Amino acid sequence: MDYMVALSFFFGLLLVYVLVRILYLPVRWLFLILYNGVLGGVALWVLNLLVDPLGLQVALNPFTALIAGFLGIPGIVVLIIFSYLVS
């Protein structure tokens, strides 16, 4: 095998490796945001089912779902308090 072909092959592998390393982090963050948003939306949906008889309703939109997803229980409590103060 000619040494230029081998060198080109290894350079191509290095280039693919660098591209995967560069693109891996943004894609991982995107999936993390999506995952937390879905979990927060489900949590708010269940919360709305539970507190609806009390006359309290928390808005379910992407912003509140992300707050509930990233902050967890404290975020849900803040959303309940905010919803109570606004209504």
PDB file of N, CA and C in Angstrom:
ATOM      1  N   MET A   1       0.852  -1.168   0.000  1.00  0.00           N
ATOM      2  CA  MET A   1       0.000   0.000   0.000  1.00  0.00           C
ATOM      3  C   MET A   1       0.901   1.236   0.000  1.00  0.00           C
ATOM      4  N   ASP A   2       0.532   2.172  -0.797  1.00  0.00           N
ATOM      5  CA  ASP A   2       1.281   3.406  -0.897  1.00  0.00           C
ATOM      6  C   ASP A   2       1.129   4.206   0.400  1.00  0.00           C
ATOM      7  N   TYR A   3       2.191   4.845   0.854  1.00  0.00           N
ATOM      8  CA  TYR A   3       2.141   5.559   2.127  1.00  0.00           C
ATOM      9  C   TYR A   3       1.204   6.769   2.072  1.00  0.00           C
ATOM     10  N   MET A   4       0.973   7.365   0.913  1.00  0.00           N
ATOM     11  CA  MET A   4       0.054   8.501   0.795  1.00  0.00           C
ATOM     12  C   MET A   4      -1.387   8.051   1.011  1.00  0.00           C
ATOM     13  N   VAL A   5      -1.729   6.857   0.545  1.00  0.00           N
ATOM     14  CA  VAL A   5      -3.076   6.333   0.745  1.00  0.00           C
ATOM     15  C   VAL A   5      -3.305   6.069   2.230  1.00  0.00           C
ATOM     16  N   ALA A   6      -2.320   5.475   2.892  1.00  0.00           N
ATOM     17  CA  ALA A   6      -2.430   5.206   4.324  1.00  0.00           C
ATOM     18  C   ALA A   6      -2.515   6.509   5.113  1.00  0.00           C
ATOM     19  N   LEU A   7      -1.715   7.493   4.739  1.00  0.00           N
ATOM     20  CA  LEU A   7      -1.736   8.784   5.405  1.00  0.00           C
ATOM     21  C   LEU A   7      -3.082   9.475   5.196  1.00  0.00           C
ATOM     22  N   SER A   8      -3.625   9.401   4.001  1.00  0.00           N
ATOM     23  CA  SER A   8      -4.934   9.986   3.716  1.00  0.00           C
ATOM     24  C   SER A   8      -6.028   9.286   4.518  1.00  0.00           C
ATOM     25  N   PHE A   9      -5.936   7.973   4.634  1.00  0.00           N
ATOM     26  CA  PHE A   9      -6.914   7.202   5.400  1.00  0.00           C
ATOM     27  C   PHE A   9      -6.894   7.622   6.868  1.00  0.00           C
ATOM     28  N   PHE A  10      -5.718   7.710   7.460  1.00  0.00           N
ATOM     29  CA  PHE A  10      -5.622   8.101   8.862  1.00  0.00           C
ATOM     30  C   PHE A  10      -6.019   9.557   9.085  1.00  0.00           C
ATOM     31  N   PHE A  11      -5.726  10.426   8.125  1.00  0.00           N
ATOM     32  CA  PHE A  11      -6.168  11.811   8.216  1.00  0.00           C
ATOM     33  C   PHE A  11      -7.695  11.886   8.155  1.00  0.00           C
ATOM     34  N   GLY A  12      -8.306  11.084   7.302  1.00  0.00           N
ATOM     35  CA  GLY A  12      -9.769  11.031   7.222  1.00  0.00           C
ATOM     36  C   GLY A  12     -10.384  10.530   8.520  1.00  0.00           C
ATOM     37  N   LEU A  13      -9.790   9.507   9.118  1.00  0.00           N
ATOM     38  CA  LEU A  13     -10.277   9.008  10.400  1.00  0.00           C
ATOM     39  C   LEU A  13     -10.153  10.074  11.487  1.00  0.00           C
ATOM     40  N   LEU A  14      -9.042  10.798  11.473  1.00  0.00           N
ATOM     41  CA  LEU A  14      -8.851  11.871  12.448  1.00  0.00           C
ATOM     42  C   LEU A  14      -9.884  12.967  12.252  1.00  0.00           C
ATOM     43  N   LEU A  15     -10.179  13.310  11.022  1.00  0.00           N
ATOM     44  CA  LEU A  15     -11.170  14.334  10.723  1.00  0.00           C
ATOM     45  C   LEU A  15     -12.558  13.901  11.187  1.00  0.00           C
ATOM     46  N   VAL A  16     -12.932  12.650  10.944  1.00  0.00           N
ATOM     47  CA  VAL A  16     -14.225  12.134  11.409  1.00  0.00           C
ATOM     48  C   VAL A  16     -14.291  12.163  12.932  1.00  0.00           C
ATOM     49  N   TYR A  17     -13.216  11.764  13.587  1.00  0.00           N
ATOM     50  CA  TYR A  17     -13.167  11.777  15.055  1.00  0.00           C
ATOM     51  C   TYR A  17     -13.364  13.196  15.594  1.00  0.00           C
ATOM     52  N   VAL A  18     -12.692  14.166  15.003  1.00  0.00           N
ATOM     53  CA  VAL A  18     -12.804  15.551  15.465  1.00  0.00           C
ATOM     54  C   VAL A  18     -14.222  16.073  15.246  1.00  0.00           C
ATOM     55  N   LEU A  19     -14.821  15.782  14.107  1.00  0.00           N
ATOM     56  CA  LEU A  19     -16.188  16.232  13.834  1.00  0.00           C
ATOM     57  C   LEU A  19     -17.187  15.611  14.809  1.00  0.00           C
ATOM     58  N   VAL A  20     -17.024  14.345  15.107  1.00  0.00           N
ATOM     59  CA  VAL A  20     -17.931  13.691  16.056  1.00  0.00           C
ATOM     60  C   VAL A  20     -17.769  14.314  17.438  1.00  0.00           C
ATOM     61  N   ARG A  21     -16.550  14.589  17.857  1.00  0.00           N
ATOM     62  CA  ARG A  21     -16.322  15.208  19.168  1.00  0.00           C
ATOM     63  C   ARG A  21     -16.914  16.618  19.225  1.00  0.00           C
ATOM     64  N   ILE A  22     -16.832  17.358  18.143  1.00  0.00           N
ATOM     65  CA  ILE A  22     -17.370  18.718  18.113  1.00  0.00           C
ATOM     66  C   ILE A  22     -18.893  18.695  18.142  1.00  0.00           C
ATOM     67  N   LEU A  23     -19.520  17.792  17.415  1.00  0.00           N
ATOM     68  CA  LEU A  23     -20.975  17.763  17.318  1.00  0.00           C
ATOM     69  C   LEU A  23     -21.644  16.984  18.440  1.00  0.00           C
ATOM     70  N   TYR A  24     -20.899  16.211  19.202  1.00  0.00           N
ATOM     71  CA  TYR A  24     -21.496  15.377  20.242  1.00  0.00           C
ATOM     72  C   TYR A  24     -22.085  16.217  21.374  1.00  0.00           C
ATOM     73  N   LEU A  25     -21.383  17.214  21.837  1.00  0.00           N
ATOM     74  CA  LEU A  25     -21.828  18.009  22.973  1.00  0.00           C
ATOM     75  C   LEU A  25     -23.120  18.778  22.677  1.00  0.00           C
ATOM     76  N   PRO A  26     -23.253  19.492  21.553  1.00  0.00           N
ATOM     77  CA  PRO A  26     -24.522  20.180  21.293  1.00  0.00           C
ATOM     78  C   PRO A  26     -25.701  19.218  21.151  1.00  0.00           C
ATOM     79  N   VAL A  27     -25.481  18.081  20.539  1.00  0.00           N
ATOM     80  CA  VAL A  27     -26.570  17.118  20.386  1.00  0.00           C
ATOM     81  C   VAL A  27     -26.958  16.552  21.741  1.00  0.00           C
ATOM     82  N   ARG A  28     -25.973  16.318  22.604  1.00  0.00           N
ATOM     83  CA  ARG A  28     -26.257  15.818  23.951  1.00  0.00           C
ATOM     84  C   ARG A  28     -27.059  16.840  24.749  1.00  0.00           C
ATOM     85  N   TRP A  29     -26.693  18.118  24.651  1.00  0.00           N
ATOM     86  CA  TRP A  29     -27.446  19.165  25.339  1.00  0.00           C
ATOM     87  C   TRP A  29     -28.861  19.275  24.789  1.00  0.00           C
ATOM     88  N   LEU A  30     -29.035  19.138  23.492  1.00  0.00           N
ATOM     89  CA  LEU A  30     -30.364  19.205  22.889  1.00  0.00           C
ATOM     90  C   LEU A  30     -31.250  18.084  23.414  1.00  0.00           C
ATOM     91  N   PHE A  31     -30.727  16.865  23.485  1.00  0.00           N
ATOM     92  CA  PHE A  31     -31.511  15.754  24.013  1.00  0.00           C
ATOM     93  C   PHE A  31     -31.794  15.932  25.498  1.00  0.00           C
ATOM     94  N   LEU A  32     -30.869  16.504  26.245  1.00  0.00           N
ATOM     95  CA  LEU A  32     -31.100  16.757  27.666  1.00  0.00           C
ATOM     96  C   LEU A  32     -32.220  17.771  27.861  1.00  0.00           C
ATOM     97  N   ILE A  33     -32.219  18.837  27.088  1.00  0.00           N
ATOM     98  CA  ILE A  33     -33.276  19.838  27.182  1.00  0.00           C
ATOM     99  C   ILE A  33     -34.619  19.230  26.783  1.00  0.00           C
ATOM    100  N   LEU A  34     -34.637  18.453  25.722  1.00  0.00           N
ATOM    101  CA  LEU A  34     -35.865  17.811  25.284  1.00  0.00           C
ATOM    102  C   LEU A  34     -36.388  16.835  26.331  1.00  0.00           C
ATOM    103  N   TYR A  35     -35.506  16.043  26.910  1.00  0.00           N
ATOM    104  CA  TYR A  35     -35.878  15.067  27.934  1.00  0.00           C
ATOM    105  C   TYR A  35     -36.452  15.765  29.169  1.00  0.00           C
ATOM    106  N   ASN A  36     -35.773  16.801  29.646  1.00  0.00           N
ATOM    107  CA  ASN A  36     -36.271  17.523  30.815  1.00  0.00           C
ATOM    108  C   ASN A  36     -37.585  18.238  30.527  1.00  0.00           C
ATOM    109  N   GLY A  37     -37.739  18.764  29.332  1.00  0.00           N
ATOM    110  CA  GLY A  37     -38.989  19.424  28.970  1.00  0.00           C
ATOM    111  C   GLY A  37     -40.164  18.458  28.943  1.00  0.00           C
ATOM    112  N   VAL A  38     -39.930  17.275  28.414  1.00  0.00           N
ATOM    113  CA  VAL A  38     -41.004  16.271  28.373  1.00  0.00           C
ATOM    114  C   VAL A  38     -41.356  15.819  29.791  1.00  0.00           C
ATOM    115  N   LEU A  39     -40.351  15.550  30.613  1.00  0.00           N
ATOM    116  CA  LEU A  39     -40.633  15.147  31.995  1.00  0.00           C
ATOM    117  C   LEU A  39     -41.341  16.251  32.771  1.00  0.00           C
ATOM    118  N   GLY A  40     -40.935  17.490  32.576  1.00  0.00           N
ATOM    119  CA  GLY A  40     -41.601  18.611  33.240  1.00  0.00           C
ATOM    120  C   GLY A  40     -43.032  18.774  32.767  1.00  0.00           C
ATOM    121  N   GLY A  41     -43.278  18.583  31.474  1.00  0.00           N
ATOM    122  CA  GLY A  41     -44.640  18.662  30.951  1.00  0.00           C
ATOM    123  C   GLY A  41     -45.537  17.582  31.515  1.00  0.00           C
ATOM    124  N   VAL A  42     -45.009  16.376  31.626  1.00  0.00           N
ATOM    125  CA  VAL A  42     -45.790  15.277  32.212  1.00  0.00           C
ATOM    126  C   VAL A  42     -46.075  15.561  33.688  1.00  0.00           C
ATOM    127  N   ALA A  43     -45.071  16.080  34.402  1.00  0.00           N
ATOM    128  CA  ALA A  43     -45.267  16.406  35.815  1.00  0.00           C
ATOM    129  C   ALA A  43     -46.323  17.491  35.990  1.00  0.00           C
ATOM    130  N   LEU A  44     -46.307  18.505  35.138  1.00  0.00           N
ATOM    131  CA  LEU A  44     -47.319  19.561  35.230  1.00  0.00           C
ATOM    132  C   LEU A  44     -48.697  19.047  34.840  1.00  0.00           C
ATOM    133  N   TRP A  45     -48.766  18.158  33.893  1.00  0.00           N
ATOM    134  CA  TRP A  45     -50.045  17.582  33.496  1.00  0.00           C
ATOM    135  C   TRP A  45     -50.656  16.797  34.656  1.00  0.00           C
ATOM    136  N   VAL A  46     -49.835  15.976  35.306  1.00  0.00           N
ATOM    137  CA  VAL A  46     -50.310  15.213  36.468  1.00  0.00           C
ATOM    138  C   VAL A  46     -50.699  16.168  37.597  1.00  0.00           C
ATOM    139  N   LEU A  47     -49.894  17.203  37.801  1.00  0.00           N
ATOM    140  CA  LEU A  47     -50.208  18.190  38.828  1.00  0.00           C
ATOM    141  C   LEU A  47     -51.537  18.871  38.548  1.00  0.00           C
ATOM    142  N   ASN A  48     -51.796  19.224  37.305  1.00  0.00           N
ATOM    143  CA  ASN A  48     -53.069  19.848  36.958  1.00  0.00           C
ATOM    144  C   ASN A  48     -54.231  18.900  37.191  1.00  0.00           C
ATOM    145  N   LEU A  49     -54.032  17.612  36.979  1.00  0.00           N
ATOM    146  CA  LEU A  49     -55.098  16.650  37.270  1.00  0.00           C
ATOM    147  C   LEU A  49     -55.379  16.586  38.775  1.00  0.00           C
ATOM    148  N   LEU A  50     -54.348  16.723  39.587  1.00  0.00           N
ATOM    149  CA  LEU A  50     -54.508  16.607  41.033  1.00  0.00           C
ATOM    150  C   LEU A  50     -55.060  17.877  41.678  1.00  0.00           C
ATOM    151  N   VAL A  51     -54.643  19.043  41.216  1.00  0.00           N
ATOM    152  CA  VAL A  51     -55.061  20.287  41.869  1.00  0.00           C
ATOM    153  C   VAL A  51     -56.254  20.952  41.194  1.00  0.00           C
ATOM    154  N   ASP A  52     -56.781  20.393  40.134  1.00  0.00           N
ATOM    155  CA  ASP A  52     -57.944  20.962  39.465  1.00  0.00           C
ATOM    156  C   ASP A  52     -59.164  21.015  40.384  1.00  0.00           C
ATOM    157  N   PRO A  53     -59.439  20.001  41.214  1.00  0.00           N
ATOM    158  CA  PRO A  53     -60.581  20.120  42.134  1.00  0.00           C
ATOM    159  C   PRO A  53     -60.426  21.261  43.151  1.00  0.00           C
ATOM    160  N   LEU A  54     -59.219  21.692  43.408  1.00  0.00           N
ATOM    161  CA  LEU A  54     -58.988  22.798  44.341  1.00  0.00           C
ATOM    162  C   LEU A  54     -59.156  24.156  43.671  1.00  0.00           C
ATOM    163  N   GLY A  55     -59.359  24.166  42.381  1.00  0.00           N
ATOM    164  CA  GLY A  55     -59.537  25.411  41.644  1.00  0.00           C
ATOM    165  C   GLY A  55     -58.247  26.069  41.222  1.00  0.00           C
ATOM    166  N   LEU A  56     -57.159  25.354  41.272  1.00  0.00           N
ATOM    167  CA  LEU A  56     -55.861  25.893  40.877  1.00  0.00           C
ATOM    168  C   LEU A  56     -55.431  25.234  39.581  1.00  0.00           C
ATOM    169  N   GLN A  57     -54.944  26.033  38.656  1.00  0.00           N
ATOM    170  CA  GLN A  57     -54.503  25.511  37.367  1.00  0.00           C
ATOM    171  C   GLN A  57     -53.157  26.126  37.033  1.00  0.00           C
ATOM    172  N   VAL A  58     -52.151  25.287  36.763  1.00  0.00           N
ATOM    173  CA  VAL A  58     -50.820  25.756  36.373  1.00  0.00           C
ATOM    174  C   VAL A  58     -50.737  25.675  34.850  1.00  0.00           C
ATOM    175  N   ALA A  59     -50.269  26.749  34.236  1.00  0.00           N
ATOM    176  CA  ALA A  59     -50.167  26.777  32.775  1.00  0.00           C
ATOM    177  C   ALA A  59     -49.200  25.700  32.293  1.00  0.00           C
ATOM    178  N   LEU A  60     -49.575  25.063  31.214  1.00  0.00           N
ATOM    179  CA  LEU A  60     -48.725  24.030  30.618  1.00  0.00           C
ATOM    180  C   LEU A  60     -48.272  24.522  29.248  1.00  0.00           C
ATOM    181  N   ASN A  61     -47.051  25.015  29.188  1.00  0.00           N
ATOM    182  CA  ASN A  61     -46.446  25.478  27.945  1.00  0.00           C
ATOM    183  C   ASN A  61     -44.964  25.095  27.975  1.00  0.00           C
ATOM    184  N   PRO A  62     -44.251  25.271  26.894  1.00  0.00           N
ATOM    185  CA  PRO A  62     -42.842  24.852  26.880  1.00  0.00           C
ATOM    186  C   PRO A  62     -41.991  25.528  27.957  1.00  0.00           C
ATOM    187  N   PHE A  63     -42.255  26.778  28.260  1.00  0.00           N
ATOM    188  CA  PHE A  63     -41.463  27.487  29.267  1.00  0.00           C
ATOM    189  C   PHE A  63     -41.672  26.890  30.656  1.00  0.00           C
ATOM    190  N   THR A  64     -42.921  26.678  31.043  1.00  0.00           N
ATOM    191  CA  THR A  64     -43.189  26.111  32.363  1.00  0.00           C
ATOM    192  C   THR A  64     -42.742  24.654  32.437  1.00  0.00           C
ATOM    193  N   ALA A  65     -42.837  23.927  31.328  1.00  0.00           N
ATOM    194  CA  ALA A  65     -42.380  22.542  31.310  1.00  0.00           C
ATOM    195  C   ALA A  65     -40.870  22.473  31.505  1.00  0.00           C
ATOM    196  N   LEU A  66     -40.125  23.394  30.900  1.00  0.00           N
ATOM    197  CA  LEU A  66     -38.677  23.416  31.096  1.00  0.00           C
ATOM    198  C   LEU A  66     -38.305  23.823  32.518  1.00  0.00           C
ATOM    199  N   ILE A  67     -39.054  24.769  33.099  1.00  0.00           N
ATOM    200  CA  ILE A  67     -38.798  25.142  34.487  1.00  0.00           C
ATOM    201  C   ILE A  67     -39.019  23.948  35.403  1.00  0.00           C
ATOM    202  N   ALA A  68     -40.137  23.262  35.218  1.00  0.00           N
ATOM    203  CA  ALA A  68     -40.430  22.087  36.044  1.00  0.00           C
ATOM    204  C   ALA A  68     -39.428  20.967  35.775  1.00  0.00           C
ATOM    205  N   GLY A  69     -38.993  20.814  34.545  1.00  0.00           N
ATOM    206  CA  GLY A  69     -38.054  19.749  34.209  1.00  0.00           C
ATOM    207  C   GLY A  69     -36.662  19.984  34.761  1.00  0.00           C
ATOM    208  N   PHE A  70     -36.181  21.227  34.695  1.00  0.00           N
ATOM    209  CA  PHE A  70     -34.824  21.506  35.161  1.00  0.00           C
ATOM    210  C   PHE A  70     -34.746  21.710  36.671  1.00  0.00           C
ATOM    211  N   LEU A  71     -35.749  22.337  37.262  1.00  0.00           N
ATOM    212  CA  LEU A  71     -35.679  22.633  38.685  1.00  0.00           C
ATOM    213  C   LEU A  71     -36.339  21.564  39.550  1.00  0.00           C
ATOM    214  N   GLY A  72     -37.147  20.712  38.941  1.00  0.00           N
ATOM    215  CA  GLY A  72     -37.767  19.625  39.696  1.00  0.00           C
ATOM    216  C   GLY A  72     -38.862  20.123  40.623  1.00  0.00           C
ATOM    217  N   ILE A  73     -38.931  19.542  41.832  1.00  0.00           N
ATOM    218  CA  ILE A  73     -39.968  19.871  42.799  1.00  0.00           C
ATOM    219  C   ILE A  73     -39.940  21.358  43.188  1.00  0.00           C
ATOM    220  N   PRO A  74     -38.780  21.953  43.455  1.00  0.00           N
ATOM    221  CA  PRO A  74     -38.791  23.395  43.764  1.00  0.00           C
ATOM    222  C   PRO A  74     -39.354  24.239  42.612  1.00  0.00           C
ATOM    223  N   GLY A  75     -39.074  23.858  41.393  1.00  0.00           N
ATOM    224  CA  GLY A  75     -39.613  24.583  40.245  1.00  0.00           C
ATOM    225  C   GLY A  75     -41.120  24.460  40.156  1.00  0.00           C
ATOM    226  N   ILE A  76     -41.639  23.285  40.455  1.00  0.00           N
ATOM    227  CA  ILE A  76     -43.091  23.087  40.438  1.00  0.00           C
ATOM    228  C   ILE A  76     -43.741  23.909  41.545  1.00  0.00           C
ATOM    229  N   VAL A  77     -43.104  23.951  42.709  1.00  0.00           N
ATOM    230  CA  VAL A  77     -43.644  24.757  43.817  1.00  0.00           C
ATOM    231  C   VAL A  77     -43.652  26.235  43.434  1.00  0.00           C
ATOM    232  N   VAL A  78     -42.593  26.714  42.794  1.00  0.00           N
ATOM    233  CA  VAL A  78     -42.549  28.108  42.353  1.00  0.00           C
ATOM    234  C   VAL A  78     -43.657  28.373  41.330  1.00  0.00           C
ATOM    235  N   LEU A  79     -43.889  27.442  40.417  1.00  0.00           N
ATOM    236  CA  LEU A  79     -44.955  27.624  39.428  1.00  0.00           C
ATOM    237  C   LEU A  79     -46.332  27.640  40.095  1.00  0.00           C
ATOM    238  N   ILE A  80     -46.531  26.825  41.108  1.00  0.00           N
ATOM    239  CA  ILE A  80     -47.813  26.824  41.830  1.00  0.00           C
ATOM    240  C   ILE A  80     -48.007  28.152  42.542  1.00  0.00           C
ATOM    241  N   ILE A  81     -46.974  28.616  43.228  1.00  0.00           N
ATOM    242  CA  ILE A  81     -47.071  29.898  43.940  1.00  0.00           C
ATOM    243  C   ILE A  81     -47.320  31.031  42.954  1.00  0.00           C
ATOM    244  N   PHE A  82     -46.610  31.030  41.850  1.00  0.00           N
ATOM    245  CA  PHE A  82     -46.806  32.078  40.838  1.00  0.00           C
ATOM    246  C   PHE A  82     -48.218  32.028  40.267  1.00  0.00           C
ATOM    247  N   SER A  83     -48.718  30.837  39.996  1.00  0.00           N
ATOM    248  CA  SER A  83     -50.061  30.684  39.469  1.00  0.00           C
ATOM    249  C   SER A  83     -51.101  31.165  40.482  1.00  0.00           C
ATOM    250  N   TYR A  84     -50.851  30.880  41.747  1.00  0.00           N
ATOM    251  CA  TYR A  84     -51.772  31.317  42.799  1.00  0.00           C
ATOM    252  C   TYR A  84     -51.763  32.826  42.931  1.00  0.00           C
ATOM    253  N   LEU A  85     -50.595  33.454  42.854  1.00  0.00           N
ATOM    254  CA  LEU A  85     -50.504  34.910  42.984  1.00  0.00           C
ATOM    255  C   LEU A  85     -51.087  35.640  41.790  1.00  0.00           C
ATOM    256  N   VAL A  86     -50.957  35.065  40.594  1.00  0.00           N
ATOM    257  CA  VAL A  86     -51.452  35.721  39.392  1.00  0.00           C
ATOM    258  C   VAL A  86     -52.973  35.621  39.285  1.00  0.00           C
ATOM    259  N   SER A  87     -53.525  34.507  39.693  1.00  0.00           N
ATOM    260  CA  SER A  87     -54.988  34.332  39.548  1.00  0.00           C
ATOM    261  C   SER A  87     -55.765  34.903  40.686  1.00  0.00           C
TER     262      SER A  87
END
